[in-house]
């Protein structure tokens, strides 16, 4: 059976081959650009609905930048609030790493792509420091380079909608 999300991402041109440096600092011969693919409202809506079908929570959180539209789409699909995890804390205003109410809430974090899991873990820790209960991270694509293990060690389950092996031959 063909993974519907993988097929949508391929059709949206989410996989590019070349020489790339990833957020983790690692080099790669391919780049998975979920952010660009989800600028298509049909792709974004479908992903939000699939994520919504696979979880129950009080709040869905997204990491800036790629996770925000995913959190909004999932929020609209489920009719629940969303929160934003800032990539860096602002020195003005409330200077909170989280926008939205997560204290005492069951939160699921959504991410576009996971590689090592470092950015997801940073967001999980920020949400927990704000009083959220979080044990699940949903990634659209898992590059299968350690995120599952890293998050498991932090008490979180990684649920990925597709994997790098479903998108590209590596």
N, C-alpha and C. Protein backbone atom coordinates (compact mmCIF):
# COMPACT_ATOMS: atom_id res chain seq x y z
N UNK A 1 0.84 -1.20 0.00
CA UNK A 1 0.00 0.00 0.00
C UNK A 1 0.88 1.25 0.00
N UNK A 2 0.54 2.20 -0.82
CA UNK A 2 1.31 3.44 -0.92
C UNK A 2 0.90 4.37 0.22
N UNK A 3 1.89 4.94 0.88
CA UNK A 3 1.65 5.91 1.94
C UNK A 3 1.14 7.20 1.29
N UNK A 4 -0.08 7.59 1.65
CA UNK A 4 -0.74 8.76 1.05
C UNK A 4 0.06 10.04 1.27
N UNK A 5 0.59 10.21 2.48
CA UNK A 5 1.36 11.42 2.79
C UNK A 5 2.65 11.45 1.99
N UNK A 6 3.34 10.31 1.91
CA UNK A 6 4.57 10.24 1.12
C UNK A 6 4.29 10.60 -0.33
N UNK A 7 3.21 10.08 -0.87
CA UNK A 7 2.87 10.37 -2.27
C UNK A 7 2.55 11.85 -2.46
N UNK A 8 1.82 12.45 -1.53
CA UNK A 8 1.50 13.88 -1.63
C UNK A 8 2.78 14.72 -1.58
N UNK A 9 3.70 14.36 -0.69
CA UNK A 9 4.94 15.11 -0.57
C UNK A 9 5.79 14.99 -1.84
N UNK A 10 5.85 13.79 -2.40
CA UNK A 10 6.59 13.61 -3.66
C UNK A 10 5.98 14.46 -4.76
N UNK A 11 4.66 14.43 -4.88
CA UNK A 11 3.98 15.21 -5.93
C UNK A 11 4.16 16.71 -5.72
N UNK A 12 4.29 17.13 -4.46
CA UNK A 12 4.49 18.55 -4.16
C UNK A 12 5.94 18.97 -4.32
N UNK A 13 6.81 18.04 -4.71
CA UNK A 13 8.22 18.37 -4.92
C UNK A 13 9.01 18.55 -3.64
N UNK A 14 8.64 17.83 -2.60
CA UNK A 14 9.28 18.00 -1.29
C UNK A 14 10.67 17.39 -1.20
N UNK A 15 11.05 16.58 -2.18
CA UNK A 15 12.38 15.94 -2.14
C UNK A 15 13.24 16.53 -3.24
N UNK A 16 14.41 17.05 -2.86
CA UNK A 16 15.36 17.62 -3.79
C UNK A 16 16.71 16.95 -3.57
N UNK A 17 17.41 16.66 -4.65
CA UNK A 17 18.72 16.03 -4.55
C UNK A 17 19.81 17.06 -4.82
N UNK A 18 20.93 16.95 -4.10
CA UNK A 18 22.04 17.88 -4.22
C UNK A 18 22.96 17.72 -3.03
N UNK A 19 23.58 18.80 -2.61
CA UNK A 19 24.48 18.81 -1.45
C UNK A 19 23.92 19.80 -0.45
N UNK A 20 23.47 19.30 0.71
CA UNK A 20 22.79 20.15 1.69
C UNK A 20 23.39 19.99 3.08
N UNK A 21 23.32 21.06 3.87
CA UNK A 21 23.67 21.02 5.29
C UNK A 21 22.36 21.10 6.05
N UNK A 22 22.12 20.13 6.93
CA UNK A 22 20.88 20.07 7.70
C UNK A 22 20.99 20.90 8.97
N UNK A 23 19.87 21.12 9.63
CA UNK A 23 19.84 21.88 10.88
C UNK A 23 20.76 21.26 11.93
N UNK A 24 20.91 19.95 11.88
CA UNK A 24 21.77 19.24 12.83
C UNK A 24 23.25 19.47 12.54
N UNK A 25 23.55 20.06 11.37
CA UNK A 25 24.93 20.26 10.96
C UNK A 25 25.44 19.16 10.03
N UNK A 26 24.70 18.06 9.94
CA UNK A 26 25.09 16.95 9.07
C UNK A 26 24.89 17.33 7.61
N UNK A 27 25.65 16.70 6.74
CA UNK A 27 25.50 16.89 5.30
C UNK A 27 24.61 15.79 4.74
N UNK A 28 23.90 16.12 3.67
CA UNK A 28 23.00 15.16 3.05
C UNK A 28 22.98 15.37 1.54
N UNK A 29 22.75 14.28 0.82
CA UNK A 29 22.64 14.35 -0.65
C UNK A 29 21.20 14.61 -1.09
N UNK A 30 20.30 14.74 -0.13
CA UNK A 30 18.91 15.06 -0.45
C UNK A 30 18.35 15.95 0.64
N UNK A 31 17.33 16.72 0.29
CA UNK A 31 16.68 17.61 1.24
C UNK A 31 15.18 17.37 1.17
N UNK A 32 14.56 17.24 2.32
CA UNK A 32 13.12 17.04 2.40
C UNK A 32 12.51 18.35 2.86
N UNK A 33 11.78 19.00 1.98
CA UNK A 33 11.23 20.33 2.23
C UNK A 33 9.72 20.27 2.46
N UNK A 34 9.35 19.85 3.66
CA UNK A 34 7.93 19.79 4.01
C UNK A 34 7.35 21.20 4.09
N UNK A 35 8.15 22.17 4.57
CA UNK A 35 7.66 23.54 4.70
C UNK A 35 7.11 24.07 3.38
N UNK A 36 7.83 23.88 2.31
CA UNK A 36 7.36 24.35 1.01
C UNK A 36 6.13 23.56 0.55
N UNK A 37 6.15 22.25 0.78
CA UNK A 37 5.02 21.41 0.35
C UNK A 37 3.72 21.82 1.04
N UNK A 38 3.80 22.21 2.32
CA UNK A 38 2.56 22.54 3.04
C UNK A 38 2.07 23.95 2.76
N UNK A 39 2.73 24.66 1.85
CA UNK A 39 2.14 25.92 1.40
C UNK A 39 0.95 25.65 0.48
N UNK A 40 0.83 24.41 0.00
CA UNK A 40 -0.33 23.98 -0.77
C UNK A 40 -1.44 23.66 0.24
N UNK A 41 -2.57 24.37 0.21
CA UNK A 41 -3.60 24.18 1.22
C UNK A 41 -4.17 22.76 1.25
N UNK A 42 -4.18 22.08 0.12
CA UNK A 42 -4.71 20.71 0.09
C UNK A 42 -3.78 19.75 0.81
N UNK A 43 -2.48 19.93 0.63
CA UNK A 43 -1.48 19.10 1.33
C UNK A 43 -1.55 19.39 2.83
N UNK A 44 -1.56 20.66 3.19
CA UNK A 44 -1.61 21.05 4.61
C UNK A 44 -2.87 20.51 5.28
N UNK A 45 -4.01 20.67 4.64
CA UNK A 45 -5.27 20.18 5.22
C UNK A 45 -5.24 18.67 5.40
N UNK A 46 -4.76 17.95 4.40
CA UNK A 46 -4.69 16.48 4.49
C UNK A 46 -3.79 16.04 5.63
N UNK A 47 -2.64 16.70 5.76
CA UNK A 47 -1.72 16.34 6.85
C UNK A 47 -2.36 16.65 8.20
N UNK A 48 -3.00 17.80 8.33
CA UNK A 48 -3.68 18.14 9.59
C UNK A 48 -4.73 17.12 9.96
N UNK A 49 -5.47 16.65 8.98
CA UNK A 49 -6.51 15.64 9.24
C UNK A 49 -5.90 14.30 9.63
N UNK A 50 -4.82 13.89 8.96
CA UNK A 50 -4.17 12.62 9.31
C UNK A 50 -3.59 12.68 10.73
N UNK A 51 -2.93 13.79 11.06
CA UNK A 51 -2.40 13.93 12.41
C UNK A 51 -3.55 13.87 13.41
N UNK A 52 -4.63 14.59 13.13
CA UNK A 52 -5.78 14.62 14.04
C UNK A 52 -6.39 13.26 14.27
N UNK A 53 -6.37 12.40 13.27
CA UNK A 53 -6.92 11.06 13.42
C UNK A 53 -6.05 10.15 14.29
N UNK A 54 -4.77 10.52 14.45
CA UNK A 54 -3.84 9.63 15.12
C UNK A 54 -3.54 10.02 16.56
N UNK A 55 -4.26 11.00 17.12
CA UNK A 55 -3.92 11.43 18.47
C UNK A 55 -5.11 12.01 19.21
N UNK A 56 -4.97 12.02 20.53
CA UNK A 56 -5.92 12.73 21.39
C UNK A 56 -5.09 13.59 22.34
N UNK A 57 -5.48 14.84 22.45
CA UNK A 57 -4.77 15.75 23.32
C UNK A 57 -5.64 16.97 23.57
N UNK A 58 -5.18 17.83 24.48
CA UNK A 58 -5.87 19.08 24.78
C UNK A 58 -5.37 20.23 23.91
N UNK A 59 -4.07 20.16 23.56
CA UNK A 59 -3.42 21.22 22.79
C UNK A 59 -2.43 20.56 21.84
N UNK A 60 -2.33 21.09 20.64
CA UNK A 60 -1.30 20.65 19.70
C UNK A 60 -0.30 21.80 19.57
N UNK A 61 0.98 21.47 19.71
CA UNK A 61 2.02 22.49 19.66
C UNK A 61 2.91 22.29 18.44
N UNK A 62 3.39 23.39 17.90
CA UNK A 62 4.30 23.34 16.77
C UNK A 62 5.51 24.19 17.02
N UNK A 63 6.66 23.70 16.56
CA UNK A 63 7.90 24.44 16.69
C UNK A 63 8.02 25.41 15.52
N UNK A 64 8.42 26.64 15.81
CA UNK A 64 8.64 27.63 14.75
C UNK A 64 9.80 27.14 13.89
N UNK A 65 9.71 27.16 12.64
CA UNK A 65 8.72 27.70 11.73
C UNK A 65 7.85 26.57 11.17
N UNK A 66 8.44 25.44 10.82
CA UNK A 66 7.72 24.40 10.11
C UNK A 66 6.56 23.78 10.85
N UNK A 67 6.62 23.75 12.17
CA UNK A 67 5.56 23.12 12.94
C UNK A 67 4.33 23.98 13.14
N UNK A 68 4.46 25.29 12.93
CA UNK A 68 3.32 26.18 13.20
C UNK A 68 2.14 25.91 12.26
N UNK A 69 2.32 25.90 10.94
CA UNK A 69 1.15 25.61 10.10
C UNK A 69 0.59 24.21 10.35
N UNK A 70 1.47 23.26 10.70
CA UNK A 70 1.00 21.90 11.01
C UNK A 70 0.13 21.91 12.26
N UNK A 71 0.56 22.67 13.28
CA UNK A 71 -0.23 22.77 14.51
C UNK A 71 -1.57 23.44 14.24
N UNK A 72 -1.57 24.50 13.43
CA UNK A 72 -2.82 25.20 13.11
C UNK A 72 -3.76 24.27 12.35
N UNK A 73 -3.25 23.57 11.35
CA UNK A 73 -4.10 22.66 10.56
C UNK A 73 -4.68 21.56 11.44
N UNK A 74 -3.87 21.01 12.33
CA UNK A 74 -4.34 19.95 13.23
C UNK A 74 -5.34 20.51 14.23
N UNK A 75 -5.07 21.70 14.74
CA UNK A 75 -5.98 22.37 15.66
C UNK A 75 -7.36 22.56 15.03
N UNK A 76 -7.38 23.02 13.79
CA UNK A 76 -8.64 23.23 13.09
C UNK A 76 -9.35 21.90 12.83
N UNK A 77 -8.58 20.86 12.52
CA UNK A 77 -9.15 19.54 12.27
C UNK A 77 -9.82 18.97 13.52
N UNK A 78 -9.18 19.19 14.67
CA UNK A 78 -9.69 18.63 15.94
C UNK A 78 -10.59 19.59 16.71
N UNK A 79 -10.53 20.88 16.38
CA UNK A 79 -11.29 21.87 17.14
C UNK A 79 -10.73 22.09 18.53
N UNK A 80 -9.40 22.04 18.64
CA UNK A 80 -8.72 22.28 19.92
C UNK A 80 -7.71 23.41 19.75
N UNK A 81 -7.26 23.99 20.88
CA UNK A 81 -6.26 25.06 20.78
C UNK A 81 -4.89 24.55 20.30
N UNK A 82 -4.10 25.48 19.83
CA UNK A 82 -2.72 25.16 19.49
C UNK A 82 -1.78 26.10 20.25
N UNK A 83 -0.52 25.71 20.30
CA UNK A 83 0.51 26.52 20.93
C UNK A 83 1.72 26.55 20.00
N UNK A 84 2.54 27.58 20.17
CA UNK A 84 3.75 27.75 19.38
C UNK A 84 4.94 27.69 20.32
N UNK A 85 5.94 26.89 19.95
CA UNK A 85 7.20 26.84 20.68
C UNK A 85 8.17 27.73 19.91
N UNK A 86 8.58 28.82 20.54
CA UNK A 86 9.50 29.75 19.88
C UNK A 86 10.86 29.08 19.66
N UNK A 87 11.51 29.44 18.57
CA UNK A 87 12.85 28.91 18.32
C UNK A 87 13.87 29.58 19.25
N UNK A 88 13.58 30.81 19.64
CA UNK A 88 14.39 31.48 20.66
C UNK A 88 13.49 32.42 21.46
N UNK A 89 13.80 32.53 22.74
CA UNK A 89 13.00 33.34 23.65
C UNK A 89 13.29 34.82 23.39
N UNK A 90 12.24 35.61 23.34
CA UNK A 90 12.37 37.05 23.13
C UNK A 90 12.79 37.72 24.44
N UNK A 91 13.53 38.82 24.34
CA UNK A 91 13.98 39.53 25.53
C UNK A 91 12.97 40.57 25.99
N UNK A 92 11.85 40.69 25.27
CA UNK A 92 10.83 41.67 25.62
C UNK A 92 9.48 40.96 25.84
N UNK A 93 8.51 41.72 26.30
CA UNK A 93 7.18 41.15 26.54
C UNK A 93 7.21 40.13 27.66
N UNK A 94 6.50 39.04 27.51
CA UNK A 94 6.45 38.00 28.54
C UNK A 94 7.69 37.13 28.54
N UNK A 95 8.46 37.19 27.48
CA UNK A 95 9.70 36.42 27.30
C UNK A 95 9.52 34.93 27.60
N UNK A 96 8.40 34.40 27.19
CA UNK A 96 8.11 32.98 27.38
C UNK A 96 8.49 32.22 26.11
N UNK A 97 9.00 30.99 26.28
CA UNK A 97 9.31 30.19 25.09
C UNK A 97 8.06 29.63 24.40
N UNK A 98 6.90 29.74 25.06
CA UNK A 98 5.67 29.15 24.55
C UNK A 98 4.61 30.24 24.36
N UNK A 99 3.95 30.22 23.22
CA UNK A 99 2.80 31.09 22.99
C UNK A 99 1.58 30.18 23.03
N UNK A 100 0.68 30.43 23.96
CA UNK A 100 -0.51 29.60 24.15
C UNK A 100 -0.49 28.96 25.54
N UNK A 101 -1.64 28.49 25.95
CA UNK A 101 -1.79 27.91 27.30
C UNK A 101 -1.57 26.40 27.26
N UNK A 102 -0.51 25.94 27.89
CA UNK A 102 -0.21 24.51 27.93
C UNK A 102 -0.17 23.96 29.36
N UNK A 103 -0.18 24.84 30.35
CA UNK A 103 -0.05 24.40 31.75
C UNK A 103 -1.16 23.42 32.12
N UNK A 104 -0.73 22.23 32.59
CA UNK A 104 -1.68 21.20 33.01
C UNK A 104 -2.39 20.49 31.88
N UNK A 105 -2.00 20.76 30.65
CA UNK A 105 -2.68 20.19 29.47
C UNK A 105 -1.86 19.04 28.87
N UNK A 106 -2.59 18.10 28.26
CA UNK A 106 -1.94 17.04 27.48
C UNK A 106 -1.65 17.64 26.11
N UNK A 107 -0.37 17.69 25.77
CA UNK A 107 0.08 18.34 24.55
C UNK A 107 0.76 17.32 23.64
N UNK A 108 0.51 17.44 22.35
CA UNK A 108 1.24 16.69 21.34
C UNK A 108 2.00 17.70 20.51
N UNK A 109 3.28 17.44 20.30
CA UNK A 109 4.13 18.30 19.50
C UNK A 109 4.16 17.80 18.06
N UNK A 110 4.01 18.70 17.10
CA UNK A 110 4.12 18.33 15.68
C UNK A 110 5.34 19.02 15.07
N UNK A 111 6.04 18.27 14.23
CA UNK A 111 7.24 18.76 13.55
C UNK A 111 7.17 18.39 12.09
N UNK A 112 7.85 19.13 11.26
CA UNK A 112 7.86 18.78 9.84
C UNK A 112 8.79 17.61 9.57
N UNK A 113 10.05 17.72 9.96
CA UNK A 113 11.04 16.66 9.72
C UNK A 113 11.88 16.46 10.97
N UNK A 114 12.12 15.21 11.34
CA UNK A 114 13.05 14.93 12.43
C UNK A 114 14.26 14.21 11.85
N UNK A 115 15.41 14.56 12.38
CA UNK A 115 16.65 13.89 12.00
C UNK A 115 17.21 13.24 13.25
N UNK A 116 17.93 14.00 14.05
CA UNK A 116 18.49 13.47 15.29
C UNK A 116 17.48 13.58 16.44
N UNK A 117 16.49 14.45 16.29
CA UNK A 117 15.49 14.66 17.33
C UNK A 117 15.84 15.79 18.29
N UNK A 118 16.97 16.45 18.07
CA UNK A 118 17.41 17.50 18.97
C UNK A 118 16.46 18.66 19.10
N UNK A 119 15.92 19.15 17.99
CA UNK A 119 15.00 20.30 18.08
C UNK A 119 13.68 19.89 18.71
N UNK A 120 13.23 18.67 18.43
CA UNK A 120 11.99 18.19 19.07
C UNK A 120 12.19 18.06 20.58
N UNK A 121 13.33 17.53 20.99
CA UNK A 121 13.60 17.36 22.42
C UNK A 121 13.67 18.72 23.12
N UNK A 122 14.29 19.69 22.48
CA UNK A 122 14.35 21.04 23.04
C UNK A 122 12.94 21.59 23.24
N UNK A 123 12.06 21.37 22.27
CA UNK A 123 10.67 21.84 22.38
C UNK A 123 9.92 21.08 23.46
N UNK A 124 10.11 19.78 23.53
CA UNK A 124 9.47 18.96 24.58
C UNK A 124 9.87 19.50 25.96
N UNK A 125 11.14 19.76 26.15
CA UNK A 125 11.62 20.28 27.44
C UNK A 125 11.03 21.65 27.74
N UNK A 126 10.92 22.51 26.74
CA UNK A 126 10.32 23.84 26.95
C UNK A 126 8.85 23.71 27.34
N UNK A 127 8.13 22.81 26.69
CA UNK A 127 6.72 22.59 27.01
C UNK A 127 6.57 22.04 28.42
N UNK A 128 7.41 21.10 28.79
CA UNK A 128 7.36 20.53 30.15
C UNK A 128 7.67 21.59 31.20
N UNK A 129 8.62 22.47 30.91
CA UNK A 129 8.94 23.54 31.86
C UNK A 129 7.78 24.50 32.04
N UNK A 130 6.91 24.60 31.05
CA UNK A 130 5.72 25.45 31.15
C UNK A 130 4.54 24.70 31.75
N UNK A 131 4.75 23.44 32.19
CA UNK A 131 3.70 22.69 32.88
C UNK A 131 2.88 21.76 32.00
N UNK A 132 3.29 21.53 30.77
CA UNK A 132 2.56 20.64 29.88
C UNK A 132 2.91 19.18 30.18
N UNK A 133 1.95 18.31 29.93
CA UNK A 133 2.19 16.87 29.94
C UNK A 133 2.36 16.47 28.49
N UNK A 134 3.53 15.97 28.13
CA UNK A 134 3.80 15.62 26.73
C UNK A 134 4.58 14.32 26.67
N UNK A 135 4.04 13.37 25.91
CA UNK A 135 4.73 12.10 25.71
C UNK A 135 4.70 11.64 24.26
N UNK A 136 4.23 12.53 23.36
CA UNK A 136 4.16 12.17 21.94
C UNK A 136 4.62 13.33 21.07
N UNK A 137 5.45 12.99 20.10
CA UNK A 137 5.87 13.92 19.06
C UNK A 137 5.44 13.30 17.73
N UNK A 138 4.78 14.08 16.90
CA UNK A 138 4.38 13.61 15.57
C UNK A 138 5.24 14.35 14.55
N UNK A 139 5.95 13.59 13.72
CA UNK A 139 6.75 14.17 12.64
C UNK A 139 6.13 13.77 11.32
N UNK A 140 6.12 14.68 10.38
CA UNK A 140 5.63 14.33 9.05
C UNK A 140 6.60 13.34 8.42
N UNK A 141 7.91 13.63 8.51
CA UNK A 141 8.93 12.75 7.96
C UNK A 141 10.00 12.49 9.02
N UNK A 142 10.32 11.23 9.24
CA UNK A 142 11.45 10.85 10.09
C UNK A 142 12.61 10.47 9.16
N UNK A 143 13.72 11.19 9.29
CA UNK A 143 14.90 10.87 8.48
C UNK A 143 15.62 9.63 9.01
N UNK A 144 15.12 9.08 10.11
CA UNK A 144 15.63 7.82 10.69
C UNK A 144 17.11 7.90 11.04
N UNK A 145 17.47 9.00 11.73
CA UNK A 145 18.86 9.19 12.13
C UNK A 145 18.99 9.43 13.63
N UNK A 146 18.14 8.78 14.43
CA UNK A 146 18.30 8.83 15.88
C UNK A 146 17.20 9.47 16.67
N UNK A 147 16.22 10.11 16.03
CA UNK A 147 15.17 10.81 16.76
C UNK A 147 14.34 9.86 17.63
N UNK A 148 14.02 8.68 17.12
CA UNK A 148 13.20 7.74 17.88
C UNK A 148 13.86 7.43 19.22
N UNK A 149 15.14 7.12 19.19
CA UNK A 149 15.85 6.74 20.40
C UNK A 149 16.01 7.92 21.37
N UNK A 150 16.38 9.08 20.81
CA UNK A 150 16.57 10.26 21.66
C UNK A 150 15.28 10.61 22.39
N UNK A 151 14.17 10.63 21.66
CA UNK A 151 12.90 10.98 22.28
C UNK A 151 12.42 9.90 23.24
N UNK A 152 12.66 8.64 22.92
CA UNK A 152 12.30 7.54 23.81
C UNK A 152 13.01 7.69 25.16
N UNK A 153 14.28 8.07 25.12
CA UNK A 153 15.04 8.27 26.35
C UNK A 153 14.50 9.43 27.18
N UNK A 154 13.76 10.33 26.54
CA UNK A 154 13.15 11.47 27.23
C UNK A 154 11.69 11.19 27.59
N UNK A 155 11.25 9.94 27.41
CA UNK A 155 9.87 9.59 27.77
C UNK A 155 8.85 9.97 26.72
N UNK A 156 9.27 10.11 25.47
CA UNK A 156 8.36 10.48 24.39
C UNK A 156 8.38 9.43 23.28
N UNK A 157 7.21 9.23 22.70
CA UNK A 157 7.06 8.34 21.55
C UNK A 157 7.06 9.21 20.29
N UNK A 158 7.84 8.81 19.28
CA UNK A 158 7.82 9.51 18.01
C UNK A 158 6.92 8.75 17.05
N UNK A 159 5.91 9.43 16.58
CA UNK A 159 5.01 8.89 15.57
C UNK A 159 5.29 9.65 14.28
N UNK A 160 5.72 8.94 13.23
CA UNK A 160 5.99 9.63 11.97
C UNK A 160 4.97 9.19 10.93
N UNK A 161 4.53 10.15 10.12
CA UNK A 161 3.54 9.86 9.09
C UNK A 161 4.18 9.16 7.90
N UNK A 162 5.47 9.43 7.69
CA UNK A 162 6.22 8.75 6.64
C UNK A 162 7.69 8.79 7.03
N UNK A 163 8.50 8.05 6.32
CA UNK A 163 9.93 8.01 6.61
C UNK A 163 10.72 8.37 5.35
N UNK A 164 11.98 8.65 5.57
CA UNK A 164 12.86 8.97 4.46
C UNK A 164 12.90 7.83 3.45
N UNK A 165 12.80 6.59 3.92
CA UNK A 165 12.87 5.45 3.01
C UNK A 165 11.62 5.32 2.14
N UNK A 166 10.51 5.90 2.59
CA UNK A 166 9.31 5.91 1.75
C UNK A 166 9.37 7.03 0.70
N UNK A 167 10.22 8.02 0.94
CA UNK A 167 10.31 9.16 0.03
C UNK A 167 11.45 9.06 -0.98
N UNK A 168 12.59 8.55 -0.51
CA UNK A 168 13.78 8.50 -1.37
C UNK A 168 14.49 7.17 -1.21
N UNK A 169 15.26 6.81 -2.18
CA UNK A 169 16.12 5.62 -2.06
C UNK A 169 17.46 6.10 -1.54
N UNK A 170 17.79 5.68 -0.31
CA UNK A 170 19.05 6.10 0.29
C UNK A 170 19.99 4.94 0.45
